[in-house]
Amino acid sequence: MTIEPSGNKRDGIVEIPRKPVNRTEKRVAKTQKKLLSAALEVFSEYGVDAATIDDITQRADLGKGTFYRHFSDKAEIMGCLIDQAIEKLIGKLRNMDAGATIEDALEHIINMHYQFFLENQEEFILLFQGRLFLKLDRRITEQMEEPFNRYFEAIESLLSPYVSEKMDMLRIRRFACAVAGFVFGFFSFAMIGMESEEIETGIKPLRQSFVKSLSSFLVQ
C-alpha cells in the first residue's frame, strides 16, 4: 500500500492527519474521509463479511484505484474505522468526576457506552462486528487487537483504584471484559425492534443488579 505524505502508520493502522497543512494534504484527507464514511455506512448496512470494496467505492463515488492508493484492503479500512471509534469511546470513558465510588465508576462506564450507542450506532455496530471478526479471522488480529486492548485498558484504569491490592491484573482484565460484554451484548440485541426509550427503561434494572454484584466482587 502507498502511504500518502500526510498519513502515518501506527501498529498497522493508517491514521488520518488531523491538521493538513497544504492543498495536497487537504485533498488526501478529504478523500480518505469520504472513503471511511462510505465504508462505515456499508459495513453497518451489509455487515463486514458481506461488504466489498466495490460497495465502498460505489458509495463514495470513487474508483477502486483511489481506494487502493489509501488502503491496502477491506481489513485495513475497517481497522482504521475501529481505531477511530475506540478513541471516541475512550474519550467518553475518561471524562469521569473525581471522588467517584466504585458504583459511580461502573455507572459512568455503562452510561458512557449508552451515550456512545445513541450517538454513534453505525460505529457501535462496527465495534461489535470487529470484535467477532478477531475470533473468526486471525489474519487481521494484529491490525485490530491493539485498539481493543486500549479500550480494555481504559476500563481497567477506571476500575483499578477500587479493587483489592491482592487482585492481579488478569482478574481486572476479566472484569473489564465482563463490563464490555454486558453493555455491548445488551445494546446490540436491544437494537432489534426497540426504541431508545424502551432500551433505557429495559437496561435500568439489569444494570442496577450488574453494578451491585460486580462492585461487591471488585472490593473483596
N, C-alpha and C. Protein backbone atom coordinates (compact mmCIF):
# COMPACT_ATOMS: atom_id res chain seq x y z
N MET A 1 0.84 -1.20 0.00
CA MET A 1 0.00 0.00 0.00
C MET A 1 0.87 1.25 0.00
N THR A 2 0.47 2.28 -0.70
CA THR A 2 1.19 3.55 -0.71
C THR A 2 0.61 4.47 0.34
N ILE A 3 1.46 4.92 1.24
CA ILE A 3 1.02 5.87 2.28
C ILE A 3 1.22 7.27 1.76
N GLU A 4 0.17 8.05 1.76
CA GLU A 4 0.27 9.43 1.30
C GLU A 4 1.13 10.24 2.26
N PRO A 5 1.76 11.32 1.76
CA PRO A 5 2.66 12.11 2.62
C PRO A 5 2.03 12.60 3.89
N SER A 6 0.71 12.80 3.90
CA SER A 6 0.07 13.36 5.10
C SER A 6 -0.32 12.30 6.10
N GLY A 7 -0.16 11.04 5.78
CA GLY A 7 -0.57 9.97 6.68
C GLY A 7 0.60 9.39 7.43
N ASN A 8 0.31 8.62 8.47
CA ASN A 8 1.34 7.86 9.16
C ASN A 8 0.73 6.57 9.63
N LYS A 9 1.57 5.63 10.00
CA LYS A 9 1.07 4.33 10.37
C LYS A 9 1.46 4.00 11.80
N ARG A 10 0.52 3.51 12.59
CA ARG A 10 0.79 3.09 13.95
C ARG A 10 0.25 1.69 14.12
N ASP A 11 1.15 0.74 14.36
CA ASP A 11 0.74 -0.65 14.58
C ASP A 11 -0.17 -1.15 13.47
N GLY A 12 0.19 -0.81 12.21
CA GLY A 12 -0.55 -1.35 11.08
C GLY A 12 -1.82 -0.61 10.74
N ILE A 13 -2.11 0.49 11.45
CA ILE A 13 -3.36 1.21 11.20
C ILE A 13 -3.04 2.59 10.67
N VAL A 14 -3.64 2.95 9.55
CA VAL A 14 -3.42 4.27 8.96
C VAL A 14 -4.19 5.30 9.75
N GLU A 15 -3.51 6.36 10.17
CA GLU A 15 -4.17 7.43 10.91
C GLU A 15 -4.45 8.59 9.97
N ILE A 16 -5.61 9.18 10.11
CA ILE A 16 -5.97 10.32 9.30
C ILE A 16 -5.33 11.57 9.90
N PRO A 17 -4.58 12.34 9.11
CA PRO A 17 -3.95 13.56 9.64
C PRO A 17 -4.99 14.53 10.15
N ARG A 18 -4.77 15.09 11.31
CA ARG A 18 -5.76 15.97 11.92
C ARG A 18 -5.66 17.40 11.39
N LYS A 19 -4.45 17.82 11.00
CA LYS A 19 -4.27 19.20 10.57
C LYS A 19 -3.49 19.25 9.26
N PRO A 20 -4.16 18.99 8.13
CA PRO A 20 -3.47 19.11 6.85
C PRO A 20 -2.96 20.53 6.66
N VAL A 21 -1.76 20.66 6.12
CA VAL A 21 -1.15 21.98 6.06
C VAL A 21 -1.04 22.54 4.65
N ASN A 22 -1.29 21.72 3.61
CA ASN A 22 -1.24 22.25 2.26
C ASN A 22 -2.37 21.65 1.42
N ARG A 23 -2.46 22.10 0.18
CA ARG A 23 -3.58 21.70 -0.67
C ARG A 23 -3.59 20.20 -0.94
N THR A 24 -2.42 19.62 -1.17
CA THR A 24 -2.35 18.18 -1.44
C THR A 24 -2.79 17.37 -0.23
N GLU A 25 -2.31 17.75 0.94
CA GLU A 25 -2.69 17.04 2.16
C GLU A 25 -4.17 17.19 2.45
N LYS A 26 -4.72 18.35 2.18
CA LYS A 26 -6.15 18.55 2.40
C LYS A 26 -6.97 17.67 1.45
N ARG A 27 -6.50 17.55 0.20
CA ARG A 27 -7.20 16.71 -0.76
C ARG A 27 -7.13 15.24 -0.35
N VAL A 28 -5.97 14.80 0.12
CA VAL A 28 -5.80 13.42 0.58
C VAL A 28 -6.72 13.15 1.77
N ALA A 29 -6.72 14.06 2.74
CA ALA A 29 -7.56 13.89 3.94
C ALA A 29 -9.04 13.85 3.56
N LYS A 30 -9.45 14.69 2.61
CA LYS A 30 -10.85 14.72 2.18
C LYS A 30 -11.24 13.40 1.52
N THR A 31 -10.36 12.85 0.68
CA THR A 31 -10.64 11.57 0.02
C THR A 31 -10.70 10.44 1.03
N GLN A 32 -9.75 10.40 1.96
CA GLN A 32 -9.75 9.36 2.98
C GLN A 32 -11.01 9.44 3.83
N LYS A 33 -11.40 10.65 4.18
CA LYS A 33 -12.60 10.83 4.99
C LYS A 33 -13.83 10.33 4.24
N LYS A 34 -13.89 10.57 2.94
CA LYS A 34 -15.01 10.12 2.11
C LYS A 34 -15.06 8.60 2.06
N LEU A 35 -13.90 7.96 1.90
CA LEU A 35 -13.84 6.50 1.87
C LEU A 35 -14.22 5.90 3.21
N LEU A 36 -13.74 6.49 4.29
CA LEU A 36 -14.05 5.99 5.63
C LEU A 36 -15.54 6.12 5.93
N SER A 37 -16.13 7.24 5.55
CA SER A 37 -17.56 7.44 5.78
C SER A 37 -18.38 6.43 4.99
N ALA A 38 -17.99 6.21 3.74
CA ALA A 38 -18.70 5.23 2.91
C ALA A 38 -18.55 3.82 3.47
N ALA A 39 -17.34 3.48 3.91
CA ALA A 39 -17.09 2.15 4.46
C ALA A 39 -17.91 1.91 5.71
N LEU A 40 -18.00 2.93 6.56
CA LEU A 40 -18.78 2.79 7.78
C LEU A 40 -20.25 2.51 7.46
N GLU A 41 -20.79 3.23 6.50
CA GLU A 41 -22.18 3.01 6.10
C GLU A 41 -22.38 1.60 5.53
N VAL A 42 -21.45 1.19 4.67
CA VAL A 42 -21.56 -0.12 4.01
C VAL A 42 -21.42 -1.25 5.03
N PHE A 43 -20.44 -1.14 5.94
CA PHE A 43 -20.25 -2.18 6.95
C PHE A 43 -21.48 -2.30 7.84
N SER A 44 -22.06 -1.16 8.18
CA SER A 44 -23.24 -1.16 9.03
C SER A 44 -24.45 -1.75 8.31
N GLU A 45 -24.56 -1.44 7.03
CA GLU A 45 -25.73 -1.87 6.25
C GLU A 45 -25.65 -3.34 5.83
N TYR A 46 -24.48 -3.76 5.33
CA TYR A 46 -24.35 -5.10 4.77
C TYR A 46 -23.67 -6.10 5.71
N GLY A 47 -22.95 -5.58 6.71
CA GLY A 47 -22.12 -6.44 7.54
C GLY A 47 -20.71 -6.48 6.99
N VAL A 48 -19.73 -6.58 7.87
CA VAL A 48 -18.33 -6.54 7.46
C VAL A 48 -18.00 -7.67 6.48
N ASP A 49 -18.47 -8.86 6.77
CA ASP A 49 -18.11 -10.01 5.95
C ASP A 49 -18.68 -9.90 4.54
N ALA A 50 -19.91 -9.44 4.41
CA ALA A 50 -20.57 -9.37 3.10
C ALA A 50 -20.16 -8.14 2.29
N ALA A 51 -19.73 -7.09 2.95
CA ALA A 51 -19.36 -5.85 2.26
C ALA A 51 -18.13 -6.07 1.38
N THR A 52 -18.10 -5.37 0.25
CA THR A 52 -16.97 -5.48 -0.67
C THR A 52 -16.36 -4.10 -0.90
N ILE A 53 -15.17 -4.09 -1.46
CA ILE A 53 -14.52 -2.84 -1.81
C ILE A 53 -15.32 -2.11 -2.89
N ASP A 54 -15.92 -2.89 -3.81
CA ASP A 54 -16.80 -2.28 -4.83
C ASP A 54 -17.96 -1.53 -4.17
N ASP A 55 -18.54 -2.13 -3.12
CA ASP A 55 -19.63 -1.46 -2.41
C ASP A 55 -19.16 -0.13 -1.83
N ILE A 56 -17.96 -0.15 -1.26
CA ILE A 56 -17.42 1.06 -0.62
C ILE A 56 -17.14 2.15 -1.64
N THR A 57 -16.49 1.80 -2.74
CA THR A 57 -16.13 2.81 -3.74
C THR A 57 -17.36 3.35 -4.45
N GLN A 58 -18.36 2.49 -4.67
CA GLN A 58 -19.61 2.98 -5.28
C GLN A 58 -20.32 3.95 -4.35
N ARG A 59 -20.33 3.63 -3.05
CA ARG A 59 -20.98 4.52 -2.09
C ARG A 59 -20.24 5.85 -1.99
N ALA A 60 -18.92 5.80 -2.11
CA ALA A 60 -18.11 7.01 -2.03
C ALA A 60 -18.04 7.75 -3.36
N ASP A 61 -18.51 7.09 -4.44
CA ASP A 61 -18.43 7.65 -5.80
C ASP A 61 -16.97 7.91 -6.18
N LEU A 62 -16.14 6.90 -5.89
CA LEU A 62 -14.70 6.96 -6.21
C LEU A 62 -14.31 5.65 -6.89
N GLY A 63 -13.19 5.66 -7.59
CA GLY A 63 -12.72 4.46 -8.26
C GLY A 63 -11.96 3.54 -7.32
N LYS A 64 -11.84 2.27 -7.73
CA LYS A 64 -11.11 1.31 -6.91
C LYS A 64 -9.64 1.68 -6.82
N GLY A 65 -9.10 2.29 -7.88
CA GLY A 65 -7.71 2.73 -7.84
C GLY A 65 -7.48 3.74 -6.73
N THR A 66 -8.45 4.63 -6.54
CA THR A 66 -8.36 5.62 -5.47
C THR A 66 -8.37 4.93 -4.12
N PHE A 67 -9.23 3.92 -3.97
CA PHE A 67 -9.26 3.17 -2.71
C PHE A 67 -7.89 2.60 -2.39
N TYR A 68 -7.28 1.94 -3.36
CA TYR A 68 -6.02 1.25 -3.10
C TYR A 68 -4.83 2.21 -2.94
N ARG A 69 -5.02 3.47 -3.30
CA ARG A 69 -3.98 4.45 -3.01
C ARG A 69 -3.99 4.86 -1.54
N HIS A 70 -5.08 4.55 -0.86
CA HIS A 70 -5.21 4.95 0.54
C HIS A 70 -5.23 3.77 1.50
N PHE A 71 -5.80 2.65 1.08
CA PHE A 71 -5.92 1.47 1.95
C PHE A 71 -5.56 0.23 1.14
N SER A 72 -4.91 -0.71 1.80
CA SER A 72 -4.46 -1.91 1.09
C SER A 72 -5.59 -2.91 0.86
N ASP A 73 -6.58 -2.95 1.76
CA ASP A 73 -7.68 -3.90 1.60
C ASP A 73 -8.82 -3.52 2.55
N LYS A 74 -9.86 -4.33 2.55
CA LYS A 74 -11.04 -4.08 3.38
C LYS A 74 -10.69 -4.12 4.87
N ALA A 75 -9.82 -5.05 5.24
CA ALA A 75 -9.45 -5.18 6.65
C ALA A 75 -8.77 -3.92 7.17
N GLU A 76 -7.96 -3.29 6.33
CA GLU A 76 -7.24 -2.10 6.78
C GLU A 76 -8.17 -0.92 7.01
N ILE A 77 -9.12 -0.71 6.11
CA ILE A 77 -10.04 0.41 6.31
C ILE A 77 -10.95 0.14 7.50
N MET A 78 -11.31 -1.13 7.71
CA MET A 78 -12.09 -1.48 8.90
C MET A 78 -11.27 -1.22 10.16
N GLY A 79 -9.98 -1.58 10.12
CA GLY A 79 -9.13 -1.34 11.27
C GLY A 79 -9.01 0.14 11.60
N CYS A 80 -8.94 0.96 10.57
CA CYS A 80 -8.86 2.41 10.77
C CYS A 80 -10.14 2.94 11.40
N LEU A 81 -11.28 2.46 10.93
CA LEU A 81 -12.57 2.88 11.49
C LEU A 81 -12.70 2.43 12.95
N ILE A 82 -12.28 1.21 13.24
CA ILE A 82 -12.33 0.71 14.61
C ILE A 82 -11.44 1.54 15.52
N ASP A 83 -10.25 1.88 15.04
CA ASP A 83 -9.33 2.70 15.82
C ASP A 83 -9.97 4.04 16.17
N GLN A 84 -10.62 4.68 15.20
CA GLN A 84 -11.25 5.97 15.43
C GLN A 84 -12.43 5.85 16.40
N ALA A 85 -13.23 4.79 16.23
CA ALA A 85 -14.38 4.60 17.11
C ALA A 85 -13.94 4.34 18.54
N ILE A 86 -12.90 3.54 18.70
CA ILE A 86 -12.37 3.24 20.04
C ILE A 86 -11.90 4.53 20.72
N GLU A 87 -11.19 5.37 19.97
CA GLU A 87 -10.71 6.62 20.55
C GLU A 87 -11.87 7.51 21.00
N LYS A 88 -12.92 7.52 20.22
CA LYS A 88 -14.10 8.32 20.57
C LYS A 88 -14.75 7.78 21.85
N LEU A 89 -14.85 6.46 21.95
CA LEU A 89 -15.44 5.84 23.14
C LEU A 89 -14.56 6.04 24.36
N ILE A 90 -13.26 5.88 24.20
CA ILE A 90 -12.32 6.09 25.31
C ILE A 90 -12.40 7.52 25.82
N GLY A 91 -12.55 8.46 24.90
CA GLY A 91 -12.68 9.87 25.30
C GLY A 91 -13.86 10.09 26.23
N LYS A 92 -14.96 9.40 25.97
CA LYS A 92 -16.13 9.50 26.85
C LYS A 92 -15.84 8.84 28.20
N LEU A 93 -15.19 7.69 28.18
CA LEU A 93 -14.92 6.95 29.41
C LEU A 93 -14.01 7.74 30.36
N ARG A 94 -13.06 8.47 29.80
CA ARG A 94 -12.10 9.20 30.62
C ARG A 94 -12.72 10.38 31.35
N ASN A 95 -13.85 10.84 30.88
CA ASN A 95 -14.49 12.03 31.44
C ASN A 95 -15.33 11.67 32.65
N MET A 96 -14.65 11.26 33.73
CA MET A 96 -15.36 10.87 34.95
C MET A 96 -15.02 11.82 36.09
N ASP A 97 -16.02 12.15 36.90
CA ASP A 97 -15.82 13.07 38.01
C ASP A 97 -14.87 12.48 39.05
N ALA A 98 -14.07 13.35 39.66
CA ALA A 98 -13.17 12.91 40.73
C ALA A 98 -13.97 12.55 41.98
N GLY A 99 -13.44 11.66 42.77
CA GLY A 99 -14.08 11.27 44.02
C GLY A 99 -15.22 10.30 43.87
N ALA A 100 -15.31 9.66 42.71
CA ALA A 100 -16.41 8.73 42.46
C ALA A 100 -16.21 7.43 43.24
N THR A 101 -17.30 6.80 43.62
CA THR A 101 -17.25 5.49 44.27
C THR A 101 -17.17 4.41 43.19
N ILE A 102 -16.97 3.15 43.60
CA ILE A 102 -16.92 2.06 42.64
C ILE A 102 -18.25 1.95 41.89
N GLU A 103 -19.36 2.15 42.62
CA GLU A 103 -20.66 2.12 41.95
C GLU A 103 -20.78 3.26 40.93
N ASP A 104 -20.28 4.44 41.31
CA ASP A 104 -20.29 5.58 40.39
C ASP A 104 -19.47 5.26 39.13
N ALA A 105 -18.31 4.64 39.34
CA ALA A 105 -17.43 4.32 38.21
C ALA A 105 -18.11 3.36 37.24
N LEU A 106 -18.75 2.33 37.78
CA LEU A 106 -19.43 1.37 36.93
C LEU A 106 -20.63 2.00 36.22
N GLU A 107 -21.38 2.84 36.94
CA GLU A 107 -22.50 3.55 36.32
C GLU A 107 -21.99 4.45 35.20
N HIS A 108 -20.87 5.12 35.46
CA HIS A 108 -20.27 6.00 34.45
C HIS A 108 -19.91 5.22 33.20
N ILE A 109 -19.27 4.07 33.37
CA ILE A 109 -18.86 3.25 32.23
C ILE A 109 -20.07 2.84 31.41
N ILE A 110 -21.12 2.38 32.07
CA ILE A 110 -22.32 1.95 31.37
C ILE A 110 -23.01 3.14 30.69
N ASN A 111 -23.10 4.27 31.40
CA ASN A 111 -23.74 5.46 30.84
C ASN A 111 -23.01 5.97 29.60
N MET A 112 -21.67 5.95 29.65
CA MET A 112 -20.90 6.45 28.51
C MET A 112 -21.05 5.52 27.30
N HIS A 113 -21.15 4.22 27.55
CA HIS A 113 -21.42 3.30 26.45
C HIS A 113 -22.80 3.58 25.86
N TYR A 114 -23.76 3.87 26.74
CA TYR A 114 -25.12 4.15 26.28
C TYR A 114 -25.15 5.41 25.41
N GLN A 115 -24.43 6.45 25.86
CA GLN A 115 -24.36 7.68 25.07
C GLN A 115 -23.71 7.42 23.71
N PHE A 116 -22.61 6.66 23.74
CA PHE A 116 -21.92 6.34 22.50
C PHE A 116 -22.84 5.55 21.57
N PHE A 117 -23.58 4.62 22.14
CA PHE A 117 -24.52 3.81 21.37
C PHE A 117 -25.58 4.68 20.70
N LEU A 118 -26.14 5.64 21.44
CA LEU A 118 -27.18 6.50 20.90
C LEU A 118 -26.65 7.45 19.82
N GLU A 119 -25.44 7.96 20.03
CA GLU A 119 -24.89 8.97 19.14
C GLU A 119 -24.14 8.39 17.95
N ASN A 120 -23.69 7.14 18.06
CA ASN A 120 -22.82 6.56 17.02
C ASN A 120 -23.19 5.10 16.76
N GLN A 121 -24.42 4.88 16.34
CA GLN A 121 -24.88 3.50 16.22
C GLN A 121 -24.12 2.72 15.14
N GLU A 122 -23.75 3.39 14.03
CA GLU A 122 -23.00 2.69 13.00
C GLU A 122 -21.64 2.25 13.53
N GLU A 123 -20.99 3.11 14.30
CA GLU A 123 -19.68 2.76 14.87
C GLU A 123 -19.84 1.69 15.95
N PHE A 124 -20.92 1.76 16.70
CA PHE A 124 -21.18 0.73 17.70
C PHE A 124 -21.31 -0.64 17.04
N ILE A 125 -22.07 -0.70 15.96
CA ILE A 125 -22.23 -1.94 15.22
C ILE A 125 -20.88 -2.43 14.71
N LEU A 126 -20.08 -1.51 14.20
CA LEU A 126 -18.76 -1.87 13.68
C LEU A 126 -17.88 -2.48 14.77
N LEU A 127 -17.86 -1.88 15.96
CA LEU A 127 -17.05 -2.41 17.05
C LEU A 127 -17.51 -3.80 17.45
N PHE A 128 -18.81 -4.00 17.48
CA PHE A 128 -19.34 -5.32 17.83
C PHE A 128 -18.92 -6.35 16.77
N GLN A 129 -19.06 -5.98 15.50
CA GLN A 129 -18.67 -6.89 14.44
C GLN A 129 -17.15 -7.11 14.42
N GLY A 130 -16.41 -6.04 14.66
CA GLY A 130 -14.96 -6.14 14.62
C GLY A 130 -14.41 -7.07 15.68
N ARG A 131 -15.00 -7.05 16.85
CA ARG A 131 -14.54 -7.93 17.91
C ARG A 131 -14.81 -9.39 17.54
N LEU A 132 -15.93 -9.65 16.91
CA LEU A 132 -16.22 -11.01 16.46
C LEU A 132 -15.25 -11.42 15.35
N PHE A 133 -14.91 -10.46 14.49
CA PHE A 133 -14.01 -10.76 13.38
C PHE A 133 -12.63 -11.20 13.87
N LEU A 134 -12.20 -10.67 15.01
CA LEU A 134 -10.90 -11.06 15.57
C LEU A 134 -10.85 -12.55 15.85
N LYS A 135 -11.98 -13.09 16.26
CA LYS A 135 -12.03 -14.51 16.59
C LYS A 135 -12.21 -15.38 15.34
N LEU A 136 -12.85 -14.81 14.31
CA LEU A 136 -13.15 -15.60 13.12
C LEU A 136 -12.01 -15.59 12.11
N ASP A 137 -11.23 -14.52 12.07
CA ASP A 137 -10.16 -14.39 11.08
C ASP A 137 -8.91 -13.89 11.77
N ARG A 138 -8.03 -14.81 12.14
CA ARG A 138 -6.82 -14.43 12.87
C ARG A 138 -5.83 -13.64 12.02
N ARG A 139 -6.04 -13.61 10.70
CA ARG A 139 -5.12 -12.86 9.85
C ARG A 139 -5.17 -11.36 10.14
N ILE A 140 -6.28 -10.87 10.65
CA ILE A 140 -6.40 -9.44 10.88
C ILE A 140 -6.24 -9.08 12.35
N THR A 141 -5.80 -10.04 13.15
CA THR A 141 -5.68 -9.81 14.59
C THR A 141 -4.76 -8.64 14.91
N GLU A 142 -3.59 -8.60 14.29
CA GLU A 142 -2.62 -7.55 14.62
C GLU A 142 -3.16 -6.16 14.30
N GLN A 143 -3.95 -6.04 13.25
CA GLN A 143 -4.49 -4.74 12.87
C GLN A 143 -5.53 -4.23 13.86
N MET A 144 -6.30 -5.12 14.44
CA MET A 144 -7.45 -4.68 15.22
C MET A 144 -7.36 -4.95 16.71
N GLU A 145 -6.47 -5.82 17.12
CA GLU A 145 -6.42 -6.16 18.53
C GLU A 145 -5.90 -5.00 19.38
N GLU A 146 -4.98 -4.23 18.85
CA GLU A 146 -4.39 -3.12 19.61
C GLU A 146 -5.43 -2.08 20.03
N PRO A 147 -6.33 -1.63 19.14
CA PRO A 147 -7.36 -0.68 19.60
C PRO A 147 -8.25 -1.24 20.69
N PHE A 148 -8.63 -2.53 20.57
CA PHE A 148 -9.48 -3.13 21.61
C PHE A 148 -8.72 -3.26 22.93
N ASN A 149 -7.42 -3.52 22.86
CA ASN A 149 -6.62 -3.56 24.09
C ASN A 149 -6.60 -2.20 24.77
N ARG A 150 -6.50 -1.12 23.97
CA ARG A 150 -6.55 0.23 24.55
C ARG A 150 -7.89 0.47 25.23
N TYR A 151 -8.93 -0.05 24.62
CA TYR A 151 -10.28 0.10 25.18
C TYR A 151 -10.39 -0.62 26.52
N PHE A 152 -9.91 -1.86 26.60
CA PHE A 152 -9.95 -2.59 27.86
C PHE A 152 -9.08 -1.91 28.91
N GLU A 153 -7.94 -1.40 28.50
CA GLU A 153 -7.05 -0.70 29.45
C GLU A 153 -7.72 0.55 30.01
N ALA A 154 -8.53 1.22 29.19
CA ALA A 154 -9.25 2.41 29.67
C ALA A 154 -10.25 2.02 30.76
N ILE A 155 -10.95 0.91 30.57
CA ILE A 155 -11.88 0.42 31.59
C ILE A 155 -11.12 0.00 32.84
N GLU A 156 -10.01 -0.70 32.65
CA GLU A 156 -9.20 -1.14 33.79
C GLU A 156 -8.70 0.04 34.61
N SER A 157 -8.30 1.12 33.93
CA SER A 157 -7.78 2.29 34.65
C SER A 157 -8.86 2.93 35.52
N LEU A 158 -10.14 2.80 35.10
CA LEU A 158 -11.23 3.34 35.91
C LEU A 158 -11.55 2.43 37.09
N LEU A 159 -11.36 1.12 36.93
CA LEU A 159 -11.70 0.16 37.98
C LEU A 159 -10.56 -0.08 38.97
N SER A 160 -9.32 0.06 38.52
CA SER A 160 -8.16 -0.29 39.35
C SER A 160 -8.11 0.40 40.71
N PRO A 161 -8.47 1.69 40.81
CA PRO A 161 -8.38 2.34 42.13
C PRO A 161 -9.29 1.73 43.19
N TYR A 162 -10.27 0.94 42.79
CA TYR A 162 -11.26 0.43 43.75
C TYR A 162 -11.05 -1.04 44.11
N VAL A 163 -10.15 -1.71 43.43
CA VAL A 163 -10.02 -3.14 43.65
C VAL A 163 -9.04 -3.44 44.77
N SER A 164 -9.16 -4.63 45.31
CA SER A 164 -8.27 -5.08 46.36
C SER A 164 -6.84 -5.14 45.84
N GLU A 165 -5.87 -4.83 46.70
CA GLU A 165 -4.47 -4.90 46.30
C GLU A 165 -4.04 -6.32 45.95
N LYS A 166 -4.78 -7.30 46.45
CA LYS A 166 -4.45 -8.70 46.19
C LYS A 166 -4.90 -9.15 44.79
N MET A 167 -5.74 -8.36 44.15
CA MET A 167 -6.28 -8.76 42.85
C MET A 167 -5.24 -8.50 41.75
N ASP A 168 -4.95 -9.52 40.95
CA ASP A 168 -3.96 -9.36 39.89
C ASP A 168 -4.61 -8.75 38.65
N MET A 169 -3.75 -8.31 37.72
CA MET A 169 -4.22 -7.60 36.53
C MET A 169 -5.07 -8.49 35.63
N LEU A 170 -4.76 -9.80 35.63
CA LEU A 170 -5.55 -10.71 34.80
C LEU A 170 -7.01 -10.71 35.24
N ARG A 171 -7.22 -10.69 36.55
CA ARG A 171 -8.60 -10.69 37.06
C ARG A 171 -9.29 -9.36 36.75
N ILE A 172 -8.53 -8.26 36.83
CA ILE A 172 -9.10 -6.96 36.49
C ILE A 172 -9.49 -6.93 35.02
N ARG A 173 -8.65 -7.54 34.15
CA ARG A 173 -8.98 -7.61 32.73
C ARG A 173 -10.27 -8.40 32.51
N ARG A 174 -10.46 -9.47 33.30
CA ARG A 174 -11.68 -10.25 33.17
C ARG A 174 -12.91 -9.43 33.55
N PHE A 175 -12.77 -8.59 34.58
CA PHE A 175 -13.88 -7.73 34.96
C PHE A 175 -14.15 -6.69 33.87
N ALA A 176 -13.07 -6.17 33.26
CA ALA A 176 -13.24 -5.22 32.16
C ALA A 176 -13.99 -5.89 31.00
N CYS A 177 -13.64 -7.13 30.72
CA CYS A 177 -14.33 -7.88 29.66
C CYS A 177 -15.80 -8.11 30.02
N ALA A 178 -16.06 -8.35 31.30
CA ALA A 178 -17.44 -8.56 31.74
C ALA A 178 -18.27 -7.30 31.53
N VAL A 179 -17.69 -6.15 31.86
CA VAL A 179 -18.40 -4.89 31.67
C VAL A 179 -18.67 -4.65 30.19
N ALA A 180 -17.63 -4.84 29.36
CA ALA A 180 -17.77 -4.64 27.92
C ALA A 180 -18.79 -5.61 27.34
N GLY A 181 -18.73 -6.86 27.77
CA GLY A 181 -19.67 -7.86 27.27
C GLY A 181 -21.09 -7.52 27.63
N PHE A 182 -21.31 -7.01 28.84
CA PHE A 182 -22.66 -6.66 29.28
C PHE A 182 -23.24 -5.55 28.41
N VAL A 183 -22.49 -4.46 28.24
CA VAL A 183 -23.05 -3.31 27.52
C VAL A 183 -23.17 -3.59 26.03
N PHE A 184 -22.15 -4.19 25.44
CA PHE A 184 -22.22 -4.46 24.00
C PHE A 184 -23.28 -5.51 23.69
N GLY A 185 -23.35 -6.54 24.53
CA GLY A 185 -24.34 -7.57 24.30
C GLY A 185 -25.76 -7.04 24.40
N PHE A 186 -26.04 -6.28 25.46
CA PHE A 186 -27.39 -5.76 25.66
C PHE A 186 -27.79 -4.82 24.52
N PHE A 187 -26.94 -3.83 24.24
CA PHE A 187 -27.31 -2.83 23.25
C PHE A 187 -27.40 -3.43 21.84
N SER A 188 -26.54 -4.38 21.53
CA SER A 188 -26.57 -4.99 20.20
C SER A 188 -27.89 -5.69 19.94
N PHE A 189 -28.39 -6.42 20.94
CA PHE A 189 -29.67 -7.10 20.77
C PHE A 189 -30.85 -6.15 20.96
N ALA A 190 -30.65 -5.12 21.78
CA ALA A 190 -31.74 -4.15 22.01
C ALA A 190 -32.06 -3.36 20.75
N MET A 191 -31.10 -3.26 19.85
CA MET A 191 -31.33 -2.51 18.61
C MET A 191 -32.42 -3.16 17.76
N ILE A 192 -32.70 -4.44 18.01
CA ILE A 192 -33.68 -5.17 17.20
C ILE A 192 -35.08 -4.91 17.78
N GLY A 193 -35.81 -4.01 17.14
CA GLY A 193 -37.21 -3.80 17.49
C GLY A 193 -37.46 -3.01 18.76
N MET A 194 -36.46 -2.26 19.29
CA MET A 194 -36.68 -1.46 20.49
C MET A 194 -36.35 0.00 20.22
N GLU A 195 -37.19 0.89 20.74
CA GLU A 195 -36.93 2.32 20.65
C GLU A 195 -35.97 2.73 21.76
N SER A 196 -35.41 3.93 21.61
CA SER A 196 -34.42 4.41 22.59
C SER A 196 -34.97 4.44 24.01
N GLU A 197 -36.24 4.89 24.15
CA GLU A 197 -36.84 4.95 25.48
C GLU A 197 -36.99 3.56 26.08
N GLU A 198 -37.36 2.59 25.24
CA GLU A 198 -37.52 1.22 25.71
C GLU A 198 -36.18 0.61 26.12
N ILE A 199 -35.13 0.96 25.38
CA ILE A 199 -33.80 0.45 25.71
C ILE A 199 -33.35 0.99 27.06
N GLU A 200 -33.56 2.29 27.27
CA GLU A 200 -33.14 2.90 28.54
C GLU A 200 -33.92 2.30 29.71
N THR A 201 -35.22 2.10 29.52
CA THR A 201 -36.04 1.50 30.57
C THR A 201 -35.66 0.05 30.81
N GLY A 202 -35.36 -0.66 29.73
CA GLY A 202 -35.04 -2.08 29.86
C GLY A 202 -33.73 -2.36 30.54
N ILE A 203 -32.74 -1.49 30.33
CA ILE A 203 -31.42 -1.76 30.89
C ILE A 203 -31.32 -1.33 32.36
N LYS A 204 -32.21 -0.45 32.81
CA LYS A 204 -32.09 0.10 34.16
C LYS A 204 -32.05 -0.97 35.25
N PRO A 205 -33.03 -1.86 35.35
CA PRO A 205 -32.97 -2.87 36.42
C PRO A 205 -31.81 -3.85 36.24
N LEU A 206 -31.47 -4.14 35.00
CA LEU A 206 -30.35 -5.06 34.74
C LEU A 206 -29.04 -4.46 35.19
N ARG A 207 -28.83 -3.19 34.88
CA ARG A 207 -27.55 -2.60 35.25
C ARG A 207 -27.46 -2.35 36.75
N GLN A 208 -28.58 -2.13 37.41
CA GLN A 208 -28.54 -1.99 38.86
C GLN A 208 -28.03 -3.26 39.52
N SER A 209 -28.55 -4.40 39.07
CA SER A 209 -28.10 -5.69 39.60
C SER A 209 -26.65 -5.96 39.22
N PHE A 210 -26.29 -5.61 37.97
CA PHE A 210 -24.93 -5.81 37.49
C PHE A 210 -23.93 -4.99 38.29
N VAL A 211 -24.23 -3.71 38.48
CA VAL A 211 -23.35 -2.82 39.23
C VAL A 211 -23.19 -3.29 40.66
N LYS A 212 -24.30 -3.68 41.29
CA LYS A 212 -24.25 -4.11 42.70
C LYS A 212 -23.40 -5.36 42.86
N SER A 213 -23.61 -6.36 42.01
CA SER A 213 -22.88 -7.62 42.15
C SER A 213 -21.40 -7.45 41.80
N LEU A 214 -21.11 -6.72 40.73
CA LEU A 214 -19.72 -6.53 40.33
C LEU A 214 -18.96 -5.68 41.33
N SER A 215 -19.63 -4.69 41.91
CA SER A 215 -18.98 -3.85 42.93
C SER A 215 -18.53 -4.68 44.12
N SER A 216 -19.39 -5.59 44.57
CA SER A 216 -19.04 -6.41 45.72
C SER A 216 -17.85 -7.32 45.42
N PHE A 217 -17.75 -7.83 44.22
CA PHE A 217 -16.63 -8.68 43.84
C PHE A 217 -15.32 -7.88 43.76
N LEU A 218 -15.41 -6.67 43.21
CA LEU A 218 -14.20 -5.88 43.00
C LEU A 218 -13.54 -5.44 44.30
N VAL A 219 -14.33 -5.19 45.33
CA VAL A 219 -13.76 -4.67 46.57
C VAL A 219 -13.38 -5.78 47.55
N GLN A 220 -13.64 -7.02 47.22
CA GLN A 220 -13.29 -8.13 48.12
C GLN A 220 -11.78 -8.32 48.17
